[in-house]
Amino acid sequence: MAPLVLILIMYMKLPVLIYVLLPFLAGAQVAGIKAIKINSLKFADTAYSVQYPFISLPNATVAKSINVTIKKTVFAETGYENIVDVKKALAAYSKDFLLEMSFKVIFNKSGILSLEIYFDVQGAYENSFYRHLTFNTATGKQLTLSDIIKASSFNNFKQDILNKKRKALQQYAIDIKKDLDSNYISKEEYDESLSLVKNGGCADSVSLQEFTISNSCIQVYDDCDFPHAMRAQQPGYELKYFIDSADKMINKQFLDNLIQK
């Protein structure tokens, strides 16, 4: 590879050189990901483990920007935000609340990194949840869907996602009616579940803040959050928009990156 680059530098003009090397430069924007691991200190039980994503890139400044955003997200409103050393912050968090943490890499190529981070915490009661982050690994910027979806298509995209959510909630209403009819849930649980969906406003709007992207789909995460006592009846659904359906809505630079094999 190195001799080829030297020959190109010697014999080709700069604009042509950049064009030829562009695929290699894009490939260089794959992030290195290391898990910072500790055993949970909340319980002396090695079954609970903490794995935190730490990003490395050839550009240390860009990597630092991504890691700062991840740290702010993980420790937001925990009281451990100002502990500089991540491992010490995790230890303090796990001593008081954190039972388990893990992460999944949804997409990591062509200058895009999309992560899902799982938390299991215990305060007054045990609670599990996810956070989703997507980055431009060339700049370190955390991406939003307004960066990825064309401005002219954004409202249509949002409406399509809302329609998918409403359709899922309509199916949810059918499913819990079956649960009621089979005595799997009580009439009180049935009424309360429907009220939380209908009167709580969950079916009336959709948030596009949390999402992941891959070369097959954009997935938005906007749950109907039920109180802890009703968590077993909380609706579960996936809000996926497949790339081949959304290709006319996506900014070309992102579409080209997503469909690269």
Protein backbone atom coordinates (compact mmCIF):
# COMPACT_ATOMS: atom_id res chain seq x y z
CA MET A 1 0.00 0.00 0.00
CA ALA A 2 2.78 2.45 0.92
CA PRO A 3 4.69 2.11 -2.40
CA LEU A 4 1.44 2.68 -4.30
CA VAL A 5 0.81 5.89 -2.37
CA LEU A 6 4.33 7.14 -3.09
CA ILE A 7 3.93 6.47 -6.81
CA LEU A 8 0.61 8.31 -6.84
CA ILE A 9 2.13 11.30 -5.05
CA MET A 10 4.96 11.45 -7.60
CA TYR A 11 2.89 11.15 -10.74
CA MET A 12 -0.58 12.45 -10.06
CA LYS A 13 -1.98 15.91 -9.44
CA LEU A 14 -3.43 16.54 -5.96
CA PRO A 15 -7.16 16.63 -6.86
CA VAL A 16 -6.83 13.35 -8.74
CA LEU A 17 -4.83 11.85 -5.88
CA ILE A 18 -7.52 12.78 -3.33
CA TYR A 19 -10.19 11.24 -5.52
CA VAL A 20 -8.25 7.98 -5.89
CA LEU A 21 -7.45 7.72 -2.18
CA LEU A 22 -10.91 8.72 -0.95
CA PRO A 23 -12.09 5.14 -0.36
CA PHE A 24 -8.95 4.43 1.68
CA LEU A 25 -9.35 7.64 3.68
CA ALA A 26 -12.97 6.80 4.42
CA GLY A 27 -11.98 3.34 5.56
CA ALA A 28 -9.47 4.88 7.97
CA GLN A 29 -12.37 6.44 9.88
CA VAL A 30 -13.28 3.14 11.52
CA ALA A 31 -13.15 3.65 15.27
CA GLY A 32 -11.18 1.48 17.64
CA ILE A 33 -13.36 0.48 20.60
CA LYS A 34 -12.03 -0.83 23.89
CA ALA A 35 -14.18 -1.91 26.82
CA ILE A 36 -13.24 -0.41 30.18
CA LYS A 37 -14.30 -3.21 32.55
CA ILE A 38 -14.98 -3.39 36.27
CA ASN A 39 -17.00 -5.68 38.51
CA SER A 40 -20.06 -4.01 39.94
CA LEU A 41 -19.44 -2.83 43.50
CA LYS A 42 -23.14 -2.53 44.27
CA PHE A 43 -23.23 -6.26 45.02
CA ALA A 44 -20.37 -8.68 45.61
CA ASP A 45 -21.60 -10.73 42.66
CA THR A 46 -19.37 -11.21 39.63
CA ALA A 47 -22.46 -11.95 37.53
CA TYR A 48 -22.95 -8.19 37.43
CA SER A 49 -20.36 -6.64 35.13
CA VAL A 50 -19.69 -3.15 33.87
CA GLN A 51 -18.32 -2.61 30.37
CA TYR A 52 -17.93 0.97 29.19
CA PRO A 53 -16.98 1.95 25.60
CA PHE A 54 -13.74 3.89 25.09
CA ILE A 55 -13.06 5.15 21.54
CA SER A 56 -9.72 5.53 19.78
CA LEU A 57 -9.01 7.09 16.38
CA PRO A 58 -5.91 8.23 14.48
CA ASN A 59 -6.99 11.81 15.31
CA ALA A 60 -6.73 11.95 19.11
CA THR A 61 -8.65 15.24 19.29
CA VAL A 62 -11.64 13.73 17.49
CA ALA A 63 -11.52 10.63 19.70
CA LYS A 64 -11.42 12.81 22.80
CA SER A 65 -14.50 14.72 21.63
CA ILE A 66 -16.44 11.46 21.19
CA ASN A 67 -15.30 10.12 24.55
CA VAL A 68 -16.32 13.34 26.30
CA THR A 69 -19.84 13.01 24.84
CA ILE A 70 -20.08 9.36 25.88
CA LYS A 71 -18.96 10.22 29.41
CA LYS A 72 -21.48 13.07 29.70
CA THR A 73 -24.24 10.74 28.52
CA VAL A 74 -23.33 7.83 30.79
CA PHE A 75 -22.95 9.92 33.94
CA ALA A 76 -25.64 12.54 33.28
CA GLU A 77 -27.48 13.45 36.49
CA THR A 78 -25.73 10.71 38.48
CA GLY A 79 -23.52 12.96 40.61
CA TYR A 80 -20.33 11.42 39.18
CA GLU A 81 -20.00 13.67 36.14
CA ASN A 82 -17.03 15.59 37.55
CA ILE A 83 -14.86 12.55 38.36
CA VAL A 84 -12.21 12.84 35.66
CA ASP A 85 -11.00 9.24 35.63
CA VAL A 86 -13.67 7.08 33.96
CA LYS A 87 -12.77 3.94 35.89
CA LYS A 88 -13.05 5.78 39.21
CA ALA A 89 -16.36 7.31 38.11
CA LEU A 90 -17.68 3.84 37.20
CA ALA A 91 -16.54 2.46 40.54
CA ALA A 92 -18.35 5.24 42.42
CA TYR A 93 -21.49 4.77 40.28
CA SER A 94 -21.48 0.99 40.76
CA LYS A 95 -20.91 1.30 44.51
CA ASP A 96 -24.16 3.24 44.86
CA PHE A 97 -26.48 2.44 41.94
CA LEU A 98 -25.02 0.70 38.88
CA LEU A 99 -25.53 -3.06 38.67
CA GLU A 100 -24.60 -3.66 35.06
CA MET A 101 -23.50 -1.82 31.92
CA SER A 102 -22.77 -3.12 28.45
CA PHE A 103 -22.64 -1.73 24.94
CA LYS A 104 -23.28 -2.81 21.40
CA VAL A 105 -21.68 -1.40 18.23
CA ILE A 106 -24.49 -1.01 15.69
CA PHE A 107 -22.39 0.54 12.91
CA ASN A 108 -18.69 1.38 12.63
CA LYS A 109 -17.40 2.18 9.17
CA SER A 110 -17.28 4.88 6.50
CA GLY A 111 -16.91 7.66 9.05
CA ILE A 112 -19.99 6.75 11.13
CA LEU A 113 -20.10 5.17 14.59
CA SER A 114 -23.45 4.20 16.11
CA LEU A 115 -23.61 2.79 19.66
CA GLU A 116 -26.18 1.37 22.04
CA ILE A 117 -25.36 1.45 25.78
CA TYR A 118 -27.34 -0.65 28.27
CA PHE A 119 -27.74 0.24 31.96
CA ASP A 120 -29.15 -1.71 34.87
CA VAL A 121 -29.35 0.44 38.01
CA GLN A 122 -30.90 0.13 41.43
CA GLY A 123 -32.13 2.98 43.55
CA ALA A 124 -35.51 2.70 45.21
CA TYR A 125 -36.12 -0.11 42.68
CA GLU A 126 -34.23 -1.80 39.87
CA ASN A 127 -34.50 -0.20 36.45
CA SER A 128 -32.94 -0.96 33.08
CA PHE A 129 -32.68 1.39 30.10
CA TYR A 130 -30.65 2.23 26.99
CA ARG A 131 -28.88 5.24 25.53
CA HIS A 132 -28.11 5.59 21.82
CA LEU A 133 -25.34 7.69 20.30
CA THR A 134 -24.22 8.22 16.70
CA PHE A 135 -21.03 10.08 15.72
CA ASN A 136 -19.17 11.40 12.70
CA THR A 137 -15.73 9.86 13.31
CA ALA A 138 -14.03 12.39 11.03
CA THR A 139 -15.14 15.35 13.16
CA GLY A 140 -16.20 13.88 16.51
CA LYS A 141 -19.62 15.50 16.20
CA GLN A 142 -22.61 13.69 17.67
CA LEU A 143 -25.04 13.32 14.80
CA THR A 144 -28.74 14.12 14.92
CA LEU A 145 -31.36 12.97 12.46
CA SER A 146 -31.52 16.52 11.11
CA ASP A 147 -27.90 16.00 9.99
CA ILE A 148 -28.83 12.79 8.17
CA ILE A 149 -32.31 13.48 6.78
CA LYS A 150 -32.77 16.17 4.15
CA ALA A 151 -34.40 19.33 5.50
CA SER A 152 -37.04 19.11 2.78
CA SER A 153 -37.94 15.56 3.88
CA PHE A 154 -37.61 15.88 7.66
CA ASN A 155 -41.28 16.50 8.46
CA ASN A 156 -42.35 13.61 6.23
CA PHE A 157 -39.78 11.33 7.89
CA LYS A 158 -41.01 12.32 11.36
CA GLN A 159 -44.64 11.76 10.36
CA ASP A 160 -43.79 8.33 8.95
CA ILE A 161 -42.09 7.35 12.22
CA LEU A 162 -45.10 8.63 14.20
CA ASN A 163 -47.41 6.57 11.97
CA LYS A 164 -45.30 3.47 12.67
CA LYS A 165 -45.52 4.19 16.41
CA ARG A 166 -49.30 4.64 16.29
CA LYS A 167 -49.71 1.42 14.31
CA ALA A 168 -47.62 -0.43 16.91
CA LEU A 169 -49.73 1.00 19.74
CA GLN A 170 -52.93 -0.02 17.96
CA GLN A 171 -51.57 -3.56 17.81
CA TYR A 172 -50.62 -3.26 21.49
CA ALA A 173 -54.24 -2.44 22.36
CA ILE A 174 -55.38 -5.57 20.51
CA ASP A 175 -52.76 -7.71 22.25
CA ILE A 176 -53.55 -6.60 25.79
CA LYS A 177 -57.27 -7.12 25.12
CA LYS A 178 -56.34 -10.75 24.38
CA ASP A 179 -54.36 -10.80 27.65
CA LEU A 180 -57.45 -9.54 29.47
CA ASP A 181 -59.72 -12.10 27.80
CA SER A 182 -57.33 -14.90 28.79
CA ASN A 183 -57.12 -13.58 32.38
CA TYR A 184 -53.38 -12.97 31.99
CA ILE A 185 -53.95 -9.40 33.24
CA SER A 186 -56.69 -7.90 35.35
CA LYS A 187 -59.32 -5.40 34.22
CA GLU A 188 -57.57 -2.75 36.34
CA GLU A 189 -54.23 -3.43 34.61
CA TYR A 190 -55.92 -3.34 31.22
CA ASP A 191 -57.65 -0.01 31.89
CA GLU A 192 -54.52 1.55 33.38
CA SER A 193 -52.35 0.41 30.45
CA LEU A 194 -54.70 1.88 27.87
CA SER A 195 -55.00 5.09 29.87
CA LEU A 196 -51.22 5.50 30.07
CA VAL A 197 -50.93 5.14 26.29
CA LYS A 198 -53.95 7.23 25.30
CA ASN A 199 -54.12 9.87 28.03
CA GLY A 200 -50.39 10.04 28.66
CA GLY A 201 -49.81 11.44 25.19
CA CYS A 202 -47.54 8.64 24.01
CA ALA A 203 -49.53 8.08 20.83
CA ASP A 204 -49.72 11.79 20.04
CA SER A 205 -46.07 12.54 19.39
CA VAL A 206 -42.69 10.99 18.64
CA SER A 207 -39.21 12.01 19.73
CA LEU A 208 -36.34 11.61 17.25
CA GLN A 209 -33.58 12.34 19.76
CA GLU A 210 -32.44 8.75 20.28
CA PHE A 211 -31.62 6.64 17.24
CA THR A 212 -29.08 4.30 15.68
CA ILE A 213 -28.20 3.83 12.05
CA SER A 214 -26.83 0.91 10.08
CA ASN A 215 -26.45 0.01 6.43
CA SER A 216 -29.96 -1.49 6.53
CA CYS A 217 -32.07 0.89 8.62
CA ILE A 218 -32.49 3.93 10.82
CA GLN A 219 -34.04 2.90 14.14
CA VAL A 220 -35.68 5.46 16.42
CA TYR A 221 -36.13 4.77 20.15
CA ASP A 222 -39.15 6.42 21.74
CA ASP A 223 -40.78 4.21 24.35
CA CYS A 224 -44.03 4.76 26.19
CA ASP A 225 -42.55 4.85 29.69
CA PHE A 226 -44.83 3.26 32.27
CA PRO A 227 -44.46 3.62 36.05
CA HIS A 228 -42.32 0.92 37.63
CA ALA A 229 -45.35 -0.92 39.04
CA MET A 230 -46.77 -1.17 35.49
CA ARG A 231 -43.50 -1.88 33.67
CA ALA A 232 -44.51 -5.45 32.78
CA GLN A 233 -47.38 -4.03 30.69
CA GLN A 234 -45.28 -1.40 28.91
CA PRO A 235 -45.59 -1.55 25.09
CA GLY A 236 -42.65 -2.95 23.19
CA TYR A 237 -42.13 -2.01 19.55
CA GLU A 238 -39.46 -1.16 16.98
CA LEU A 239 -39.50 2.05 14.96
CA LYS A 240 -37.35 1.10 11.98
CA TYR A 241 -37.07 2.97 8.71
CA PHE A 242 -35.26 0.84 6.17
CA ILE A 243 -32.64 2.56 4.05
CA ASP A 244 -34.06 1.32 0.76
CA SER A 245 -37.36 3.01 1.67
CA ALA A 246 -35.78 6.22 2.99
CA ASP A 247 -33.07 6.68 0.35
CA LYS A 248 -34.73 9.77 -1.16
CA MET A 249 -34.93 11.36 2.31
CA ILE A 250 -31.28 10.87 3.31
CA ASN A 251 -28.54 13.40 2.54
CA LYS A 252 -26.41 11.92 -0.23
CA GLN A 253 -23.14 11.93 1.73
CA PHE A 254 -24.69 9.75 4.43
CA LEU A 255 -26.56 7.53 1.99
CA ASP A 256 -23.32 6.77 0.12
CA ASN A 257 -21.60 5.87 3.41
CA LEU A 258 -24.46 3.69 4.63
CA ILE A 259 -24.74 1.60 1.49
CA GLN A 260 -20.99 0.93 1.20
CA LYS A 261 -20.33 -2.79 1.50
